[in-house]
């Protein structure tokens, strides 16, 4: 690759829109799901696979299932996304989003890998 081509690709990458959003990892064997919110969706599935392969989520049943099964037993899906340009407080926005999606999908116990928040109220 020529240096000018490389610079053009780098510039295009920098100018590409960045999206935050809600992701879901699904165990296709038992249909349990993991819900998370992320500030940047770019290459997020590779990020999770790398962490799972390195045993990063030790205290989570998702890690246990990942270790006992094959990676192709799991799928990744972006449930919701939006450009980051209109966010002033990403941390608060992601927390609110995660609460909403956890409430809607209830990925706890036999349905999923997420831990029920301590202040959780079933409504």
N, C-alpha and C. Protein backbone atom coordinates (compact mmCIF):
# COMPACT_ATOMS: atom_id res chain seq x y z
N UNK A 1 0.85 -1.17 0.00
CA UNK A 1 0.00 0.00 0.00
C UNK A 1 0.90 1.24 0.00
N UNK A 2 0.57 2.16 -0.84
CA UNK A 2 1.32 3.40 -0.95
C UNK A 2 1.03 4.30 0.25
N UNK A 3 2.00 5.13 0.67
CA UNK A 3 1.78 6.04 1.81
C UNK A 3 0.57 6.96 1.62
N UNK A 4 0.32 7.41 0.41
CA UNK A 4 -0.83 8.29 0.18
C UNK A 4 -2.14 7.53 0.37
N UNK A 5 -2.16 6.27 -0.04
CA UNK A 5 -3.35 5.45 0.15
C UNK A 5 -3.59 5.20 1.64
N UNK A 6 -2.51 4.94 2.34
CA UNK A 6 -2.61 4.69 3.78
C UNK A 6 -3.14 5.93 4.50
N UNK A 7 -2.62 7.11 4.15
CA UNK A 7 -3.09 8.36 4.77
C UNK A 7 -4.57 8.60 4.46
N UNK A 8 -4.97 8.31 3.24
CA UNK A 8 -6.37 8.50 2.85
C UNK A 8 -7.28 7.58 3.66
N UNK A 9 -6.87 6.34 3.86
CA UNK A 9 -7.66 5.40 4.65
C UNK A 9 -7.75 5.85 6.12
N UNK A 10 -6.62 6.32 6.66
CA UNK A 10 -6.61 6.80 8.04
C UNK A 10 -7.53 8.00 8.20
N UNK A 11 -7.51 8.91 7.25
CA UNK A 11 -8.37 10.09 7.30
C UNK A 11 -9.85 9.70 7.21
N UNK A 12 -10.15 8.76 6.32
CA UNK A 12 -11.53 8.30 6.17
C UNK A 12 -12.02 7.66 7.47
N UNK A 13 -11.14 6.90 8.12
CA UNK A 13 -11.50 6.27 9.39
C UNK A 13 -11.80 7.32 10.45
N UNK A 14 -10.97 8.35 10.52
CA UNK A 14 -11.16 9.41 11.51
C UNK A 14 -12.46 10.18 11.27
N UNK A 15 -12.86 10.31 10.02
CA UNK A 15 -14.06 11.08 9.68
C UNK A 15 -15.34 10.24 9.71
N UNK A 16 -15.19 8.93 9.80
CA UNK A 16 -16.37 8.06 9.83
C UNK A 16 -17.17 8.32 11.11
N UNK A 17 -18.48 8.28 11.03
CA UNK A 17 -19.30 8.51 12.23
C UNK A 17 -19.07 7.40 13.26
N UNK A 18 -19.14 7.79 14.53
CA UNK A 18 -19.00 6.85 15.63
C UNK A 18 -20.39 6.64 16.23
N UNK A 19 -20.69 5.39 16.52
CA UNK A 19 -22.00 5.05 17.08
C UNK A 19 -21.84 4.43 18.47
N UNK A 20 -22.74 4.81 19.37
CA UNK A 20 -22.86 4.14 20.66
C UNK A 20 -24.12 3.31 20.58
N UNK A 21 -24.28 2.36 21.48
CA UNK A 21 -25.49 1.58 21.39
C UNK A 21 -25.60 0.45 22.37
N UNK A 22 -26.54 -0.43 22.05
CA UNK A 22 -26.87 -1.59 22.88
C UNK A 22 -26.55 -2.84 22.07
N UNK A 23 -25.82 -3.76 22.70
CA UNK A 23 -25.47 -5.00 22.02
C UNK A 23 -26.03 -6.20 22.78
N UNK A 24 -26.14 -7.29 22.04
CA UNK A 24 -26.59 -8.54 22.65
C UNK A 24 -25.69 -9.66 22.17
N UNK A 25 -25.22 -10.47 23.10
CA UNK A 25 -24.52 -11.71 22.77
C UNK A 25 -25.48 -12.83 23.14
N UNK A 26 -25.71 -13.74 22.21
CA UNK A 26 -26.66 -14.83 22.42
C UNK A 26 -25.93 -16.16 22.36
N UNK A 27 -26.19 -17.00 23.36
CA UNK A 27 -25.72 -18.38 23.34
C UNK A 27 -26.77 -19.15 22.55
N UNK A 28 -26.41 -19.62 21.37
CA UNK A 28 -27.37 -20.27 20.50
C UNK A 28 -27.78 -21.66 20.99
N UNK A 29 -27.04 -22.22 21.93
CA UNK A 29 -27.40 -23.52 22.49
C UNK A 29 -28.51 -23.41 23.53
N UNK A 30 -28.34 -22.49 24.48
CA UNK A 30 -29.33 -22.40 25.56
C UNK A 30 -30.17 -21.12 25.47
N UNK A 31 -29.90 -20.28 24.48
CA UNK A 31 -30.65 -19.05 24.19
C UNK A 31 -30.55 -17.99 25.28
N UNK A 32 -29.57 -18.12 26.16
CA UNK A 32 -29.33 -17.06 27.13
C UNK A 32 -28.69 -15.87 26.42
N UNK A 33 -28.97 -14.66 26.93
CA UNK A 33 -28.43 -13.46 26.31
C UNK A 33 -27.65 -12.62 27.31
N UNK A 34 -26.74 -11.85 26.79
CA UNK A 34 -25.95 -10.86 27.55
C UNK A 34 -26.25 -9.52 26.90
N UNK A 35 -26.67 -8.56 27.68
CA UNK A 35 -26.97 -7.21 27.19
C UNK A 35 -25.93 -6.26 27.75
N UNK A 36 -25.44 -5.37 26.89
CA UNK A 36 -24.50 -4.35 27.35
C UNK A 36 -24.69 -3.10 26.51
N UNK A 37 -24.27 -1.97 27.07
CA UNK A 37 -24.24 -0.72 26.33
C UNK A 37 -22.79 -0.34 26.13
N UNK A 38 -22.48 0.22 24.96
CA UNK A 38 -21.09 0.52 24.64
C UNK A 38 -20.98 1.91 24.02
N UNK A 39 -19.90 2.62 24.35
CA UNK A 39 -19.73 3.97 23.82
C UNK A 39 -19.28 4.03 22.37
N UNK A 40 -18.75 2.91 21.85
CA UNK A 40 -18.30 2.86 20.46
C UNK A 40 -18.51 1.44 19.95
N UNK A 41 -19.36 1.29 18.94
CA UNK A 41 -19.70 -0.03 18.43
C UNK A 41 -18.64 -0.61 17.49
N UNK A 42 -17.70 0.20 17.05
CA UNK A 42 -16.71 -0.25 16.09
C UNK A 42 -15.89 -1.42 16.65
N UNK A 43 -15.90 -2.53 15.95
CA UNK A 43 -15.15 -3.74 16.33
C UNK A 43 -15.51 -4.29 17.71
N UNK A 44 -16.70 -4.04 18.18
CA UNK A 44 -17.07 -4.45 19.54
C UNK A 44 -17.12 -5.97 19.68
N UNK A 45 -17.60 -6.68 18.67
CA UNK A 45 -17.66 -8.14 18.77
C UNK A 45 -16.25 -8.71 18.92
N UNK A 46 -15.30 -8.19 18.19
CA UNK A 46 -13.91 -8.64 18.32
C UNK A 46 -13.40 -8.36 19.73
N UNK A 47 -13.78 -7.22 20.30
CA UNK A 47 -13.40 -6.86 21.67
C UNK A 47 -13.93 -7.89 22.67
N UNK A 48 -15.20 -8.25 22.55
CA UNK A 48 -15.78 -9.23 23.47
C UNK A 48 -15.15 -10.60 23.29
N UNK A 49 -14.93 -11.01 22.04
CA UNK A 49 -14.31 -12.31 21.80
C UNK A 49 -12.91 -12.37 22.40
N UNK A 50 -12.14 -11.32 22.22
CA UNK A 50 -10.80 -11.26 22.80
C UNK A 50 -10.85 -11.40 24.32
N UNK A 51 -11.74 -10.65 24.95
CA UNK A 51 -11.86 -10.72 26.41
C UNK A 51 -12.34 -12.08 26.89
N UNK A 52 -13.29 -12.67 26.19
CA UNK A 52 -13.76 -14.01 26.57
C UNK A 52 -12.66 -15.05 26.38
N UNK A 53 -11.90 -14.92 25.31
CA UNK A 53 -10.79 -15.85 25.08
C UNK A 53 -9.70 -15.71 26.13
N UNK A 54 -9.58 -14.53 26.73
CA UNK A 54 -8.57 -14.29 27.77
C UNK A 54 -9.14 -14.49 29.17
N UNK A 55 -10.37 -15.00 29.27
CA UNK A 55 -11.00 -15.30 30.56
C UNK A 55 -11.24 -14.05 31.40
N UNK A 56 -11.60 -12.95 30.77
CA UNK A 56 -11.77 -11.67 31.44
C UNK A 56 -13.00 -11.64 32.35
N UNK A 57 -14.08 -12.32 31.97
CA UNK A 57 -15.34 -12.27 32.72
C UNK A 57 -15.46 -13.45 33.67
N UNK A 58 -14.48 -13.65 34.52
CA UNK A 58 -14.40 -14.84 35.38
C UNK A 58 -15.63 -15.09 36.23
N UNK A 59 -16.25 -14.05 36.73
CA UNK A 59 -17.36 -14.21 37.66
C UNK A 59 -18.71 -14.32 36.96
N UNK A 60 -18.71 -14.54 35.68
CA UNK A 60 -19.96 -14.54 34.94
C UNK A 60 -20.19 -15.89 34.27
N UNK A 61 -21.42 -16.34 34.28
CA UNK A 61 -21.78 -17.61 33.64
C UNK A 61 -21.52 -17.58 32.14
N UNK A 62 -21.57 -16.39 31.53
CA UNK A 62 -21.23 -16.27 30.11
C UNK A 62 -19.82 -16.80 29.87
N UNK A 63 -18.88 -16.42 30.73
CA UNK A 63 -17.50 -16.89 30.59
C UNK A 63 -17.42 -18.40 30.72
N UNK A 64 -18.14 -18.94 31.68
CA UNK A 64 -18.14 -20.40 31.88
C UNK A 64 -18.66 -21.11 30.64
N UNK A 65 -19.79 -20.64 30.11
CA UNK A 65 -20.34 -21.26 28.90
C UNK A 65 -19.40 -21.10 27.71
N UNK A 66 -18.79 -19.92 27.58
CA UNK A 66 -17.84 -19.68 26.49
C UNK A 66 -16.68 -20.69 26.57
N UNK A 67 -16.19 -20.92 27.78
CA UNK A 67 -15.07 -21.84 27.96
C UNK A 67 -15.45 -23.29 27.66
N UNK A 68 -16.71 -23.65 27.89
CA UNK A 68 -17.16 -25.03 27.72
C UNK A 68 -17.70 -25.31 26.32
N UNK A 69 -17.95 -24.28 25.56
CA UNK A 69 -18.52 -24.44 24.23
C UNK A 69 -17.54 -23.89 23.19
N UNK A 70 -17.98 -23.82 21.96
CA UNK A 70 -17.14 -23.26 20.90
C UNK A 70 -17.66 -21.87 20.55
N UNK A 71 -16.77 -20.97 20.13
CA UNK A 71 -17.19 -19.60 19.82
C UNK A 71 -18.35 -19.49 18.82
N UNK A 72 -18.46 -20.45 17.92
CA UNK A 72 -19.55 -20.38 16.94
C UNK A 72 -20.92 -20.65 17.57
N UNK A 73 -20.93 -21.06 18.84
CA UNK A 73 -22.21 -21.23 19.56
C UNK A 73 -22.78 -19.89 20.00
N UNK A 74 -22.04 -18.81 19.79
CA UNK A 74 -22.45 -17.49 20.25
C UNK A 74 -22.60 -16.54 19.06
N UNK A 75 -23.60 -15.69 19.15
CA UNK A 75 -23.80 -14.69 18.10
C UNK A 75 -23.84 -13.30 18.73
N UNK A 76 -23.61 -12.32 17.90
CA UNK A 76 -23.53 -10.92 18.33
C UNK A 76 -24.50 -10.11 17.50
N UNK A 77 -25.18 -9.20 18.16
CA UNK A 77 -26.17 -8.36 17.46
C UNK A 77 -26.18 -6.97 18.08
N UNK A 78 -26.26 -5.97 17.23
CA UNK A 78 -26.46 -4.60 17.69
C UNK A 78 -27.98 -4.40 17.73
N UNK A 79 -28.50 -4.13 18.92
CA UNK A 79 -29.95 -3.97 19.09
C UNK A 79 -30.40 -2.54 18.81
N UNK A 80 -29.52 -1.59 19.08
CA UNK A 80 -29.88 -0.18 18.93
C UNK A 80 -28.60 0.62 18.80
N UNK A 81 -28.60 1.62 17.92
CA UNK A 81 -27.41 2.47 17.81
C UNK A 81 -27.80 3.89 17.43
N UNK A 82 -26.89 4.80 17.78
CA UNK A 82 -27.10 6.21 17.46
C UNK A 82 -25.73 6.89 17.40
N UNK A 83 -25.61 7.90 16.57
CA UNK A 83 -24.35 8.62 16.46
C UNK A 83 -23.99 9.29 17.78
N UNK A 84 -22.71 9.33 18.07
CA UNK A 84 -22.25 9.91 19.33
C UNK A 84 -22.24 11.43 19.32
N UNK A 85 -22.47 12.04 18.19
CA UNK A 85 -22.36 13.49 18.08
C UNK A 85 -23.37 14.24 18.95
N UNK A 86 -24.46 13.63 19.30
CA UNK A 86 -25.50 14.32 20.05
C UNK A 86 -25.54 13.94 21.54
N UNK A 87 -24.44 13.40 22.06
CA UNK A 87 -24.39 13.00 23.47
C UNK A 87 -23.47 13.95 24.23
N UNK A 88 -23.98 14.48 25.33
CA UNK A 88 -23.14 15.36 26.15
C UNK A 88 -22.56 14.61 27.35
N UNK A 89 -23.28 13.62 27.87
CA UNK A 89 -22.79 12.83 29.01
C UNK A 89 -22.96 11.35 28.66
N UNK A 90 -21.91 10.77 28.06
CA UNK A 90 -22.00 9.40 27.57
C UNK A 90 -22.25 8.41 28.71
N UNK A 91 -21.59 8.58 29.83
CA UNK A 91 -21.75 7.65 30.94
C UNK A 91 -23.20 7.59 31.41
N UNK A 92 -23.82 8.73 31.61
CA UNK A 92 -25.22 8.77 32.06
C UNK A 92 -26.15 8.22 30.98
N UNK A 93 -25.86 8.54 29.74
CA UNK A 93 -26.69 8.06 28.63
C UNK A 93 -26.64 6.54 28.56
N UNK A 94 -25.45 5.95 28.67
CA UNK A 94 -25.31 4.50 28.61
C UNK A 94 -25.98 3.83 29.80
N UNK A 95 -25.89 4.43 30.97
CA UNK A 95 -26.53 3.86 32.17
C UNK A 95 -28.05 3.84 32.00
N UNK A 96 -28.61 4.92 31.51
CA UNK A 96 -30.06 5.00 31.27
C UNK A 96 -30.49 3.99 30.23
N UNK A 97 -29.72 3.90 29.15
CA UNK A 97 -30.02 2.93 28.09
C UNK A 97 -30.00 1.50 28.61
N UNK A 98 -28.96 1.18 29.39
CA UNK A 98 -28.84 -0.18 29.89
C UNK A 98 -30.00 -0.53 30.81
N UNK A 99 -30.39 0.38 31.68
CA UNK A 99 -31.53 0.15 32.56
C UNK A 99 -32.79 -0.14 31.75
N UNK A 100 -33.02 0.65 30.71
CA UNK A 100 -34.21 0.45 29.86
C UNK A 100 -34.19 -0.92 29.20
N UNK A 101 -33.06 -1.29 28.61
CA UNK A 101 -32.98 -2.57 27.90
C UNK A 101 -33.00 -3.75 28.85
N UNK A 102 -32.40 -3.63 30.01
CA UNK A 102 -32.49 -4.71 30.99
C UNK A 102 -33.93 -4.90 31.45
N UNK A 103 -34.63 -3.80 31.64
CA UNK A 103 -36.03 -3.88 32.04
C UNK A 103 -36.87 -4.53 30.94
N UNK A 104 -36.62 -4.14 29.70
CA UNK A 104 -37.41 -4.66 28.58
C UNK A 104 -37.13 -6.14 28.30
N UNK A 105 -35.86 -6.55 28.35
CA UNK A 105 -35.50 -7.92 27.95
C UNK A 105 -35.34 -8.90 29.11
N UNK A 106 -35.14 -8.39 30.33
CA UNK A 106 -35.02 -9.24 31.52
C UNK A 106 -34.00 -10.38 31.32
N UNK A 107 -32.74 -10.06 30.98
CA UNK A 107 -31.74 -11.10 30.72
C UNK A 107 -31.09 -11.64 31.99
N UNK A 108 -31.91 -12.11 32.92
CA UNK A 108 -31.43 -12.57 34.21
C UNK A 108 -31.72 -14.06 34.39
N UNK A 109 -30.98 -14.67 35.31
CA UNK A 109 -31.22 -16.04 35.73
C UNK A 109 -31.22 -16.98 34.53
N UNK A 110 -32.29 -17.73 34.31
CA UNK A 110 -32.32 -18.71 33.22
C UNK A 110 -32.47 -18.05 31.85
N UNK A 111 -32.80 -16.78 31.80
CA UNK A 111 -32.98 -16.07 30.53
C UNK A 111 -31.72 -15.39 30.03
N UNK A 112 -30.77 -15.16 30.94
CA UNK A 112 -29.59 -14.44 30.49
C UNK A 112 -28.44 -14.45 31.46
N UNK A 113 -27.40 -13.73 31.08
CA UNK A 113 -26.15 -13.69 31.84
C UNK A 113 -25.99 -12.44 32.68
N UNK A 114 -26.82 -11.45 32.50
CA UNK A 114 -26.67 -10.22 33.27
C UNK A 114 -27.08 -10.45 34.72
N UNK A 115 -26.43 -9.69 35.59
CA UNK A 115 -26.79 -9.70 37.00
C UNK A 115 -27.93 -8.70 37.21
N UNK A 116 -28.89 -9.09 37.97
CA UNK A 116 -29.98 -8.18 38.30
C UNK A 116 -29.40 -7.06 39.17
N UNK A 117 -29.62 -5.79 38.79
CA UNK A 117 -29.09 -4.68 39.60
C UNK A 117 -29.63 -4.74 41.02
N UNK A 118 -28.79 -4.29 41.98
CA UNK A 118 -29.18 -4.33 43.40
C UNK A 118 -30.44 -3.53 43.68
N UNK A 119 -30.60 -2.41 43.00
CA UNK A 119 -31.76 -1.54 43.21
C UNK A 119 -32.91 -1.87 42.26
N UNK A 120 -32.89 -3.07 41.70
CA UNK A 120 -33.87 -3.46 40.69
C UNK A 120 -35.25 -3.63 41.30
N UNK A 121 -36.25 -3.13 40.58
CA UNK A 121 -37.64 -3.33 40.97
C UNK A 121 -38.37 -3.85 39.76
N UNK A 122 -38.97 -5.03 39.88
CA UNK A 122 -39.76 -5.59 38.77
C UNK A 122 -41.06 -4.83 38.67
N UNK A 123 -41.30 -4.32 37.49
CA UNK A 123 -42.57 -3.61 37.24
C UNK A 123 -43.25 -4.21 36.05
